[in-house]
Every structure is written in structure tokens, then in C-alpha cells.
Amino acid sequence: MWMAGYASRTGPSEGVTQDLFAKVLVLEDGQGGRFVTLTMDLIGIPSSLRSSVVEALRKQHQLPPERVFMNCSHTHCGPEFRVGKSLYLEVMDHGDNRSAEYGAWLAGELARITGEAIQRLAPVKLSATHARCGFAMNRRLPTRLGYKNSPYPDGPVDQAVPVLEVQGADGKLLAVMFGYACHNTTLSFQQFCGDYAGYAQEYLEAAHPGAVALFVMGCGGDQNPYPRGKLELAQQHGRALANAVEAALTVTQKQLVLGPVKAAMGTVVLPFAPPPSKAELEKLAASTNRWEAAHASMQLKKLEVEGKLASSYNYPVQVVKLGSDFTLVALGGEVVVDYALRLKQELPKKSTVWVAGYSNDVMGYIPSRRVLEEGGYEAGGAMLYTAHPGPWKPEVEELIISKVHELDRQLAE
């Protein structure tokens, strides 16, 4: 199959350097309340994929949508599988139409492995802890010509490594879920690979035979792994992250995580900035930049068929509480680091707060007000590679943060 993540690719995959995985962790409290975490070595989660999985789990296991958390590692060395209309597939025009077939197969597999995990439920001890890992760096370098995608050591960063440890009744490690806020982009070659996140999981599972390691991508939309570009660097970063998880596991005073399991999910209507006029779109459609031309042409077709362009997007926000001392916030899209830093300050301090991006629906970049005002790729340039008409309005940050607080208060009642 063709691979996702880089517009410069000119051919399909040429082999497999490392297998890609989907993994599931099912937690159930004493009242039978369940919470499912599904992690995937993929670039994104189309909303259609989540809808298919959630519907299957609702029918088969009576699981409501708010109790299903889906997160992708955002590896840029995974398959391209955008279900439905894809600007990427249209521009590349490579004739590989297996995306829909792959997506349907994947949805069935995710439901299947969840069912298998439910059949294997057993008493466990949950503990939360954390460590740090240093290879993530802000990539929005300010220059006199604007913000450049380049290492920026003075930019905001979140190098925390949150860890959820799952031990069996005999004290053996059964699973470890861990997170990091950094683009999974050490590599850009033509081989399937989980990149640093895949290697971190591989090394942890090798060190703990029988245990399952699950990686959760944080708010790494404006963060890159440095240095980058070589396979050995992906392995080094994976080793560094695995070592951080191992360090967290050695902490003697971990926070015990208890039930009950509570979950809430809501939708925020995020507004787009005013789009270009029809005349401006027609001018852009004649551009020699194939992406600019294709994006404008797509918007013109929408104008012709629907009579207008999209003015907003229904954005998913999910909050999950395990007992009173563990809070998981799951945000859709490629969320910049400002969201994690802010929420960890604003949510109740007594609770472990874990903020994940790239969750449930990955529809594009989610900039903060600061990033939108600064401009650059994450602020709006990347919208060129989506079906969206253009950038977001500045109020999207407050809308998302307010919804998180609303759901958090709802669960605390």
C-alpha cells in the first residue's frame, strides 16, 4: 500500500522494517463499568473508523461511545487509508484504492481484539506514575520571515512520560500504558515501521515477557523528535522512551488507581475562519502548486454541489476518570502542546491528569490561540492537505478547554 504522512512520496511501501500493531486494554470496575483503550500504530483515526468500531462494540458488548478511547501513534511510516474523499489520494493519483478495504478490515479487527480482551478479564492492580524523556523539542522556530519548521529549544514543550502500570494478582506486569507528546516522525523512508513509539513498545515487551506495552500520543502537534532522519535514531529515541517508562516503574510510591470508572464525551462546534471567495478559489485552482490547486478545486466542487463551504467542524472531547485520582482527557486532531500544559495546570491538582491528542478523530491540526496568532504550518498552512476550507477561528482554544472543564465537572458530581 501507499504510505501516509509525507506529500513527497512517489511510490508505495517497499517492505516492513517493523510490524505495526493495534492493542487493547479493557478495564472494568467493581460495578461492571468498562473502559476500553485502543492504540494503533497509524497516522490517524478517520471519524468513520471510530464510528464503525463504536457501533460494533455497542452491539456486541453494550459499550457506550464515551467508554471507548481510540488513539494513534501518528507514525509517518504506516499505510495511507483515508476512507471516503481524500485530497491526498486525489492529488497523488496513484490508483491504489485499497484504503476503504483496509479500513473495513481494521474496524473488524479492532472490535474482535476488544472482544477477546473482555473474555480474558482478571483482577489487577492499577498504579499511575510518570518520568521524563528529552528528545522532543518544539519545532516552530521564529524567523524574520515567519515560523519555520526547525528545532526551537526555547519553545514550549511537554517532556513528561505518564505511565499506567497494570499488575496481576501475583505482582507480575501484565500491561503498561505510556504516553509522550512528540510527532512520530524520526523516519521518512519507504518501509512500514512504528518509528520511535514502535521501538519503545518493542523494547518494553522484550524486557517484560508476556506484558503488553501500549503507546498513547500526547499533544505533540508542534513537537518533533531530534535528531531525526535515520533508523538508528528512531531506535535510540525508542530506547530513551522505554528507559523513561522503566524508570517510572521503579518508583516505590506510585499512585494507586481505583474505581469507579466514569466517562463523558461531548462535541464542540469549532468554527472555521471565513474562506476565500469563489474568485479567489478559481485563481488558486490555476496554481502551479498541485496541492494548492487541488485544494481550491475541491472547495469549488463543494460550492457547486452544496452551495456553500463548511463553516464549522464537530470536534470530539472525551474525559475519563478512574476513581477520584486519575483523569484522562482525550482530544481529537493534531493538538499543539499548549493544550496539555494548560489543562494540567487548570484541572484539579489532586488528580493525575493525562492529556492525549490524536484521539478518536484526527481531522487536522488543532492550534492554540497563540499558534494561530503567530501563523505558520500548524496555524493554517497544513489545512492545504485536508478537505477543510481553511484555518480555524481564534476562539477554538477556549471552546475546547471550556468543554473539557464542563465534562470534568459533570463527572465530579
Protein backbone atom coordinates (compact mmCIF):
# COMPACT_ATOMS: atom_id res chain seq x y z
CA MET A 1 0.00 0.00 0.00
CA TRP A 2 0.91 3.64 -0.26
CA MET A 3 2.17 5.26 2.92
CA ALA A 4 0.82 8.20 4.88
CA GLY A 5 2.39 11.38 6.17
CA TYR A 6 4.64 12.87 3.50
CA ALA A 7 3.48 14.55 0.32
CA SER A 8 6.92 13.99 -1.24
CA ARG A 9 6.50 10.22 -1.56
CA THR A 10 6.42 8.97 -5.13
CA GLY A 11 5.80 5.25 -4.66
CA PRO A 12 4.20 2.65 -2.37
CA SER A 13 5.82 0.83 0.52
CA GLU A 14 8.83 -1.34 -0.23
CA GLY A 15 8.69 -3.68 2.73
CA VAL A 16 8.44 -3.92 6.51
CA THR A 17 11.14 -2.83 8.93
CA GLN A 18 8.91 -3.30 11.96
CA ASP A 19 5.43 -4.74 12.33
CA LEU A 20 2.57 -2.36 13.12
CA PHE A 21 0.17 -3.15 15.94
CA ALA A 22 -3.26 -2.39 17.32
CA LYS A 23 -3.55 -3.08 21.05
CA VAL A 24 -6.38 -3.01 23.54
CA LEU A 25 -6.66 -2.56 27.30
CA VAL A 26 -10.07 -3.20 28.88
CA LEU A 27 -10.66 -2.04 32.45
CA GLU A 28 -13.74 -2.97 34.49
CA ASP A 29 -14.66 -1.64 37.92
CA GLY A 30 -16.49 -3.44 40.72
CA GLN A 31 -19.88 -2.35 39.37
CA GLY A 32 -19.25 -3.77 35.90
CA GLY A 33 -18.43 -0.41 34.35
CA ARG A 34 -15.96 -0.86 31.49
CA PHE A 35 -13.48 1.39 29.73
CA VAL A 36 -11.71 0.38 26.52
CA THR A 37 -8.42 1.84 25.27
CA LEU A 38 -7.43 1.05 21.68
CA THR A 39 -3.99 2.18 20.49
CA MET A 40 -2.79 1.90 16.90
CA ASP A 41 0.49 2.35 15.01
CA LEU A 42 -1.23 4.51 12.39
CA ILE A 43 -1.05 8.11 11.24
CA GLY A 44 -4.63 8.97 12.12
CA ILE A 45 -8.13 7.89 13.04
CA PRO A 46 -10.81 8.80 10.49
CA SER A 47 -14.15 9.56 12.11
CA SER A 48 -15.66 6.79 10.01
CA LEU A 49 -13.30 4.24 11.57
CA ARG A 50 -14.30 5.25 15.08
CA SER A 51 -17.99 5.17 14.15
CA SER A 52 -17.67 1.62 12.82
CA VAL A 53 -15.78 0.37 15.89
CA VAL A 54 -18.06 2.11 18.38
CA GLU A 55 -21.17 0.74 16.70
CA ALA A 56 -19.77 -2.81 16.71
CA LEU A 57 -18.83 -2.58 20.40
CA ARG A 58 -22.24 -1.15 21.26
CA LYS A 59 -23.99 -4.05 19.56
CA GLN A 60 -21.67 -6.80 20.75
CA HIS A 61 -20.80 -5.63 24.28
CA GLN A 62 -23.27 -2.84 25.13
CA LEU A 63 -20.41 -0.33 25.40
CA PRO A 64 -21.48 3.32 25.11
CA PRO A 65 -19.28 5.58 22.95
CA GLU A 66 -17.86 7.59 25.85
CA ARG A 67 -16.27 4.42 27.23
CA VAL A 68 -14.21 3.78 24.10
CA PHE A 69 -10.93 5.70 23.77
CA MET A 70 -9.03 5.40 20.49
CA ASN A 71 -5.55 6.84 19.99
CA CYS A 72 -2.99 6.62 17.17
CA SER A 73 0.80 6.90 17.39
CA HIS A 74 0.88 9.13 14.27
CA THR A 75 3.70 7.14 12.70
CA HIS A 76 4.50 8.51 9.24
CA CYS A 77 5.62 5.04 8.17
CA GLY A 78 2.19 3.41 8.21
CA PRO A 79 -0.42 2.82 5.50
CA GLU A 80 -2.44 5.54 3.80
CA PHE A 81 -6.07 4.66 4.45
CA ARG A 82 -8.39 7.64 4.37
CA VAL A 83 -11.93 6.43 3.98
CA GLY A 84 -14.09 8.48 1.61
CA LYS A 85 -12.98 11.63 -0.19
CA SER A 86 -9.25 12.20 0.29
CA LEU A 87 -7.34 15.17 -1.07
CA TYR A 88 -4.15 13.19 -0.57
CA LEU A 89 -5.31 10.28 -2.73
CA GLU A 90 -6.73 12.65 -5.34
CA VAL A 91 -3.51 14.62 -5.72
CA MET A 92 -1.20 11.61 -5.67
CA ASP A 93 -3.47 9.83 -8.19
CA HIS A 94 -1.60 6.56 -7.70
CA GLY A 95 -4.50 4.22 -8.41
CA ASP A 96 -4.27 2.43 -5.05
CA ASN A 97 -7.90 2.18 -3.97
CA ARG A 98 -7.44 -0.26 -1.10
CA SER A 99 -7.99 2.35 1.63
CA ALA A 100 -11.68 1.52 2.07
CA GLU A 101 -10.94 -2.22 2.09
CA TYR A 102 -8.20 -1.76 4.68
CA GLY A 103 -10.40 0.49 6.84
CA ALA A 104 -13.24 -2.03 6.89
CA TRP A 105 -10.85 -4.85 7.77
CA LEU A 106 -9.26 -2.78 10.52
CA ALA A 107 -12.60 -1.87 12.11
CA GLY A 108 -13.48 -5.55 12.33
CA GLU A 109 -10.11 -6.42 13.84
CA LEU A 110 -10.37 -3.69 16.48
CA ALA A 111 -13.79 -4.97 17.54
CA ARG A 112 -12.51 -8.55 17.54
CA ILE A 113 -9.48 -7.97 19.77
CA THR A 114 -11.63 -5.94 22.17
CA GLY A 115 -13.99 -8.87 22.47
CA GLU A 116 -11.06 -11.20 23.14
CA ALA A 117 -9.75 -8.89 25.87
CA ILE A 118 -13.18 -8.77 27.53
CA GLN A 119 -13.20 -12.57 27.66
CA ARG A 120 -9.84 -12.51 29.49
CA LEU A 121 -10.68 -10.06 32.28
CA ALA A 122 -8.88 -10.82 35.55
CA PRO A 123 -8.20 -8.99 38.84
CA VAL A 124 -5.42 -6.40 38.52
CA LYS A 125 -3.74 -3.62 40.45
CA LEU A 126 -3.51 -0.26 38.68
CA SER A 127 -0.88 2.33 39.53
CA ALA A 128 -0.11 5.72 37.99
CA THR A 129 3.34 7.24 37.85
CA HIS A 130 5.49 9.28 35.49
CA ALA A 131 9.00 10.11 34.32
CA ARG A 132 10.62 12.36 31.70
CA CYS A 133 12.26 11.91 28.32
CA GLY A 134 14.23 14.58 26.50
CA PHE A 135 14.29 14.08 22.73
CA ALA A 136 11.07 16.04 21.98
CA MET A 137 11.65 19.68 21.00
CA ASN A 138 9.39 22.46 19.80
CA ARG A 139 9.64 22.74 16.01
CA ARG A 140 8.24 26.27 15.47
CA LEU A 141 11.38 28.36 15.03
CA PRO A 142 10.64 32.11 14.82
CA THR A 143 12.48 33.86 11.95
CA ARG A 144 12.15 37.27 10.32
CA LEU A 145 10.17 35.54 7.54
CA GLY A 146 7.78 33.79 9.90
CA TYR A 147 7.74 30.47 11.73
CA LYS A 148 9.90 27.76 10.22
CA ASN A 149 9.65 24.02 10.87
CA SER A 150 13.01 23.65 12.61
CA PRO A 151 14.35 22.84 16.11
CA TYR A 152 13.44 25.56 18.62
CA PRO A 153 14.90 24.73 22.06
CA ASP A 154 13.28 27.79 23.67
CA GLY A 155 9.75 26.88 22.59
CA PRO A 156 7.14 25.26 24.86
CA VAL A 157 7.48 21.52 25.34
CA ASP A 158 5.94 18.73 27.42
CA GLN A 159 8.53 16.03 28.04
CA ALA A 160 6.52 14.16 30.69
CA VAL A 161 6.03 10.41 30.29
CA PRO A 162 2.77 9.43 32.03
CA VAL A 163 2.53 5.74 32.88
CA LEU A 164 -0.32 3.45 33.91
CA GLU A 165 1.00 0.17 35.31
CA VAL A 166 -1.18 -2.96 35.27
CA GLN A 167 -0.11 -5.77 37.59
CA GLY A 168 -1.67 -9.17 38.01
CA ALA A 169 -2.63 -10.70 41.35
CA ASP A 170 0.86 -12.19 41.56
CA GLY A 171 2.52 -8.80 41.05
CA LYS A 172 3.63 -9.57 37.50
CA LEU A 173 3.45 -6.77 34.94
CA LEU A 174 0.58 -7.53 32.57
CA ALA A 175 0.47 -4.25 30.69
CA VAL A 176 1.92 -0.77 30.72
CA MET A 177 0.29 2.20 29.03
CA PHE A 178 2.55 5.21 28.49
CA GLY A 179 2.44 8.50 26.66
CA TYR A 180 4.63 11.16 25.08
CA ALA A 181 3.93 14.44 23.27
CA CYS A 182 6.05 14.36 20.13
CA HIS A 183 5.50 13.84 16.41
CA ASN A 184 6.33 10.26 15.46
CA THR A 185 8.46 11.44 12.54
CA THR A 186 12.05 10.33 13.00
CA LEU A 187 11.72 8.41 9.75
CA SER A 188 10.54 9.14 6.22
CA PHE A 189 11.66 6.05 4.30
CA GLN A 190 9.54 3.59 2.28
CA GLN A 191 9.28 0.83 4.89
CA PHE A 192 6.44 0.20 7.32
CA CYS A 193 7.64 0.98 10.85
CA GLY A 194 6.26 2.21 14.16
CA ASP A 195 9.10 4.78 14.45
CA TYR A 196 10.25 5.71 17.99
CA ALA A 197 6.88 4.79 19.53
CA GLY A 198 7.01 1.35 17.92
CA TYR A 199 10.52 0.71 19.18
CA ALA A 200 9.68 1.88 22.70
CA GLN A 201 6.83 -0.64 22.81
CA GLU A 202 9.01 -3.37 21.33
CA TYR A 203 11.80 -2.83 23.88
CA LEU A 204 9.41 -2.79 26.84
CA GLU A 205 7.72 -6.01 25.75
CA ALA A 206 11.10 -7.67 25.26
CA ALA A 207 12.13 -6.64 28.79
CA HIS A 208 8.85 -7.89 30.30
CA PRO A 209 7.88 -11.14 28.55
CA GLY A 210 4.12 -11.60 28.39
CA ALA A 211 3.34 -7.94 29.05
CA VAL A 212 1.68 -5.63 26.52
CA ALA A 213 3.02 -2.09 26.04
CA LEU A 214 0.57 0.50 24.70
CA PHE A 215 1.71 3.91 23.45
CA VAL A 216 -0.60 6.94 23.71
CA MET A 217 0.28 10.03 21.67
CA GLY A 218 0.07 13.28 23.61
CA CYS A 219 -0.33 16.87 22.42
CA GLY A 220 2.68 16.75 20.11
CA GLY A 221 1.34 18.69 17.13
CA ASP A 222 4.17 21.24 17.28
CA GLN A 223 6.89 18.93 18.61
CA ASN A 224 9.46 16.85 16.69
CA PRO A 225 11.98 14.18 17.70
CA TYR A 226 15.54 15.48 17.36
CA PRO A 227 17.84 14.41 15.85
CA ARG A 228 15.93 12.61 13.11
CA GLY A 229 16.20 11.05 9.67
CA LYS A 230 17.86 7.69 10.35
CA LEU A 231 16.59 4.30 11.53
CA GLU A 232 19.16 4.15 14.33
CA LEU A 233 17.84 7.47 15.64
CA ALA A 234 14.30 6.09 15.82
CA GLN A 235 15.70 3.15 17.75
CA GLN A 236 17.67 5.46 20.05
CA HIS A 237 14.60 7.56 20.78
CA GLY A 238 12.58 4.41 21.35
CA ARG A 239 15.21 3.19 23.81
CA ALA A 240 15.21 6.56 25.61
CA LEU A 241 11.43 6.49 25.95
CA ALA A 242 11.43 2.85 27.09
CA ASN A 243 14.10 3.71 29.67
CA ALA A 244 11.89 6.54 30.96
CA VAL A 245 9.00 4.10 31.37
CA GLU A 246 11.31 1.66 33.18
CA ALA A 247 12.39 4.49 35.47
CA ALA A 248 8.76 5.28 36.24
CA LEU A 249 8.10 1.62 37.06
CA THR A 250 10.84 1.71 39.70
CA VAL A 251 9.08 4.45 41.71
CA THR A 252 8.12 2.96 45.07
CA GLN A 253 5.33 5.39 45.94
CA LYS A 254 3.07 5.12 42.92
CA GLN A 255 -0.46 6.44 42.97
CA LEU A 256 -2.95 3.60 43.38
CA VAL A 257 -5.74 3.92 40.81
CA LEU A 258 -9.17 2.71 41.93
CA GLY A 259 -12.71 2.70 40.58
CA PRO A 260 -15.35 3.51 39.73
CA VAL A 261 -14.88 4.14 36.02
CA LYS A 262 -16.66 7.29 34.84
CA ALA A 263 -16.61 8.67 31.31
CA ALA A 264 -18.17 11.56 29.43
CA MET A 265 -17.92 12.69 25.85
CA GLY A 266 -19.11 15.78 24.05
CA THR A 267 -18.88 17.65 20.77
CA VAL A 268 -17.59 21.17 20.27
CA VAL A 269 -18.60 23.08 17.15
CA LEU A 270 -15.28 24.57 16.04
CA PRO A 271 -15.67 27.48 13.59
CA PHE A 272 -13.52 27.97 10.52
CA ALA A 273 -12.22 31.40 9.59
CA PRO A 274 -14.02 32.99 6.60
CA PRO A 275 -12.98 31.06 3.45
CA PRO A 276 -11.65 32.56 0.22
CA SER A 277 -14.20 33.91 -2.24
CA LYS A 278 -15.18 31.94 -5.33
CA ALA A 279 -12.99 34.23 -7.44
CA GLU A 280 -10.03 33.66 -5.14
CA LEU A 281 -10.59 29.91 -5.26
CA GLU A 282 -10.71 29.97 -9.07
CA LYS A 283 -7.39 31.78 -9.11
CA LEU A 284 -5.88 29.28 -6.68
CA ALA A 285 -7.22 26.36 -8.74
CA ALA A 286 -4.96 27.51 -11.58
CA SER A 287 -1.88 27.47 -9.35
CA THR A 288 1.22 25.54 -10.40
CA ASN A 289 1.34 24.15 -6.84
CA ARG A 290 -0.58 20.90 -7.27
CA TRP A 291 -1.71 20.82 -3.64
CA GLU A 292 -2.94 24.41 -3.71
CA ALA A 293 -4.72 23.79 -6.98
CA ALA A 294 -6.30 20.53 -5.81
CA HIS A 295 -7.47 22.04 -2.52
CA ALA A 296 -9.07 25.00 -4.28
CA SER A 297 -10.68 22.73 -6.86
CA MET A 298 -12.16 20.60 -4.09
CA GLN A 299 -13.69 23.68 -2.45
CA LEU A 300 -15.11 24.84 -5.80
CA LYS A 301 -16.77 21.45 -6.31
CA LYS A 302 -18.31 21.72 -2.84
CA LEU A 303 -19.61 25.19 -3.70
CA GLU A 304 -21.15 23.83 -6.89
CA VAL A 305 -22.81 20.82 -5.23
CA GLU A 306 -23.72 22.20 -1.79
CA GLY A 307 -23.93 25.90 -2.47
CA LYS A 308 -21.60 26.79 0.40
CA LEU A 309 -18.42 25.73 2.17
CA ALA A 310 -18.22 24.22 5.62
CA SER A 311 -18.36 26.83 8.38
CA SER A 312 -17.51 24.52 11.29
CA TYR A 313 -16.46 21.03 12.36
CA ASN A 314 -17.92 18.82 15.09
CA TYR A 315 -14.91 18.16 17.30
CA PRO A 316 -14.82 15.32 19.90
CA VAL A 317 -13.74 15.82 23.52
CA GLN A 318 -13.62 12.92 25.99
CA VAL A 319 -12.90 12.87 29.73
CA VAL A 320 -12.45 9.65 31.70
CA LYS A 321 -12.00 9.30 35.45
CA LEU A 322 -10.70 6.21 37.23
CA GLY A 323 -11.71 6.81 40.81
CA SER A 324 -11.06 10.31 42.10
CA ASP A 325 -7.31 10.43 41.42
CA PHE A 326 -6.86 9.72 37.70
CA THR A 327 -8.21 11.85 34.84
CA LEU A 328 -7.66 11.18 31.13
CA VAL A 329 -8.51 13.95 28.67
CA ALA A 330 -8.70 12.79 25.05
CA LEU A 331 -8.69 15.47 22.34
CA GLY A 332 -9.16 14.97 18.61
CA GLY A 333 -6.78 16.15 15.93
CA GLU A 334 -3.12 17.12 15.96
CA VAL A 335 -3.20 19.13 19.17
CA VAL A 336 -0.34 21.52 19.94
CA VAL A 337 1.41 21.31 23.30
CA ASP A 338 -0.25 24.43 24.78
CA TYR A 339 -3.40 22.42 25.50
CA ALA A 340 -1.66 19.83 27.66
CA LEU A 341 0.36 22.42 29.56
CA ARG A 342 -2.76 24.48 30.26
CA LEU A 343 -5.07 21.63 31.25
CA LYS A 344 -2.52 20.12 33.62
CA GLN A 345 -2.46 23.49 35.38
CA GLU A 346 -6.20 24.11 35.40
CA LEU A 347 -7.68 20.71 36.25
CA PRO A 348 -7.77 19.65 39.94
CA LYS A 349 -4.24 19.08 41.24
CA LYS A 350 -5.17 16.12 43.43
CA SER A 351 -5.73 14.03 40.35
CA THR A 352 -3.21 12.61 37.88
CA VAL A 353 -4.06 14.46 34.67
CA TRP A 354 -3.13 12.77 31.40
CA VAL A 355 -3.85 14.76 28.22
CA ALA A 356 -3.84 12.85 24.93
CA GLY A 357 -4.12 14.31 21.45
CA TYR A 358 -4.65 12.34 18.21
CA SER A 359 -7.68 10.69 19.79
CA ASN A 360 -10.98 9.42 18.38
CA ASP A 361 -10.91 11.60 15.23
CA VAL A 362 -7.80 13.08 13.61
CA MET A 363 -9.11 15.74 11.23
CA GLY A 364 -6.19 18.17 11.11
CA TYR A 365 -4.08 20.42 13.32
CA ILE A 366 -5.62 21.99 16.42
CA PRO A 367 -3.65 25.16 17.15
CA SER A 368 -3.91 27.27 20.29
CA ARG A 369 -4.73 30.96 20.11
CA ARG A 370 -1.00 31.70 20.44
CA VAL A 371 -0.10 29.50 17.48
CA LEU A 372 -2.94 30.89 15.37
CA GLU A 373 -1.75 34.44 16.02
CA GLU A 374 1.85 33.52 15.23
CA GLY A 375 0.94 31.80 11.95
CA GLY A 376 2.84 29.07 10.19
CA TYR A 377 2.23 25.44 9.30
CA GLU A 378 0.29 24.32 12.38
CA ALA A 379 -1.75 27.55 12.37
CA GLY A 380 -3.21 27.07 8.91
CA GLY A 381 -0.64 26.04 6.34
CA ALA A 382 -1.34 22.36 6.95
CA MET A 383 -5.02 22.84 6.10
CA LEU A 384 -3.88 22.73 2.46
CA TYR A 385 -3.58 18.95 2.83
CA THR A 386 -7.11 18.45 4.20
CA ALA A 387 -10.62 18.82 2.85
CA HIS A 388 -11.29 21.76 5.20
CA PRO A 389 -11.81 25.21 3.64
CA GLY A 390 -9.09 26.90 5.69
CA PRO A 391 -7.82 27.80 9.18
CA TRP A 392 -9.80 27.87 12.43
CA LYS A 393 -11.04 30.98 14.19
CA PRO A 394 -9.00 32.12 17.24
CA GLU A 395 -11.69 31.08 19.74
CA VAL A 396 -11.21 27.35 19.16
CA GLU A 397 -8.86 27.04 22.16
CA GLU A 398 -11.38 28.47 24.62
CA LEU A 399 -14.18 26.37 23.17
CA ILE A 400 -12.18 23.15 23.63
CA ILE A 401 -10.86 24.00 27.09
CA SER A 402 -14.35 25.01 28.26
CA LYS A 403 -15.78 21.69 27.09
CA VAL A 404 -13.07 19.77 28.98
CA HIS A 405 -13.94 21.65 32.18
CA GLU A 406 -17.64 21.07 31.60
CA LEU A 407 -17.19 17.31 31.22
CA ASP A 408 -14.80 17.17 34.18
CA ARG A 409 -17.36 18.91 36.42
CA GLN A 410 -20.06 16.57 35.12
CA LEU A 411 -18.07 13.53 36.21
CA ALA A 412 -17.22 15.06 39.60
CA GLU A 413 -20.89 15.47 40.53
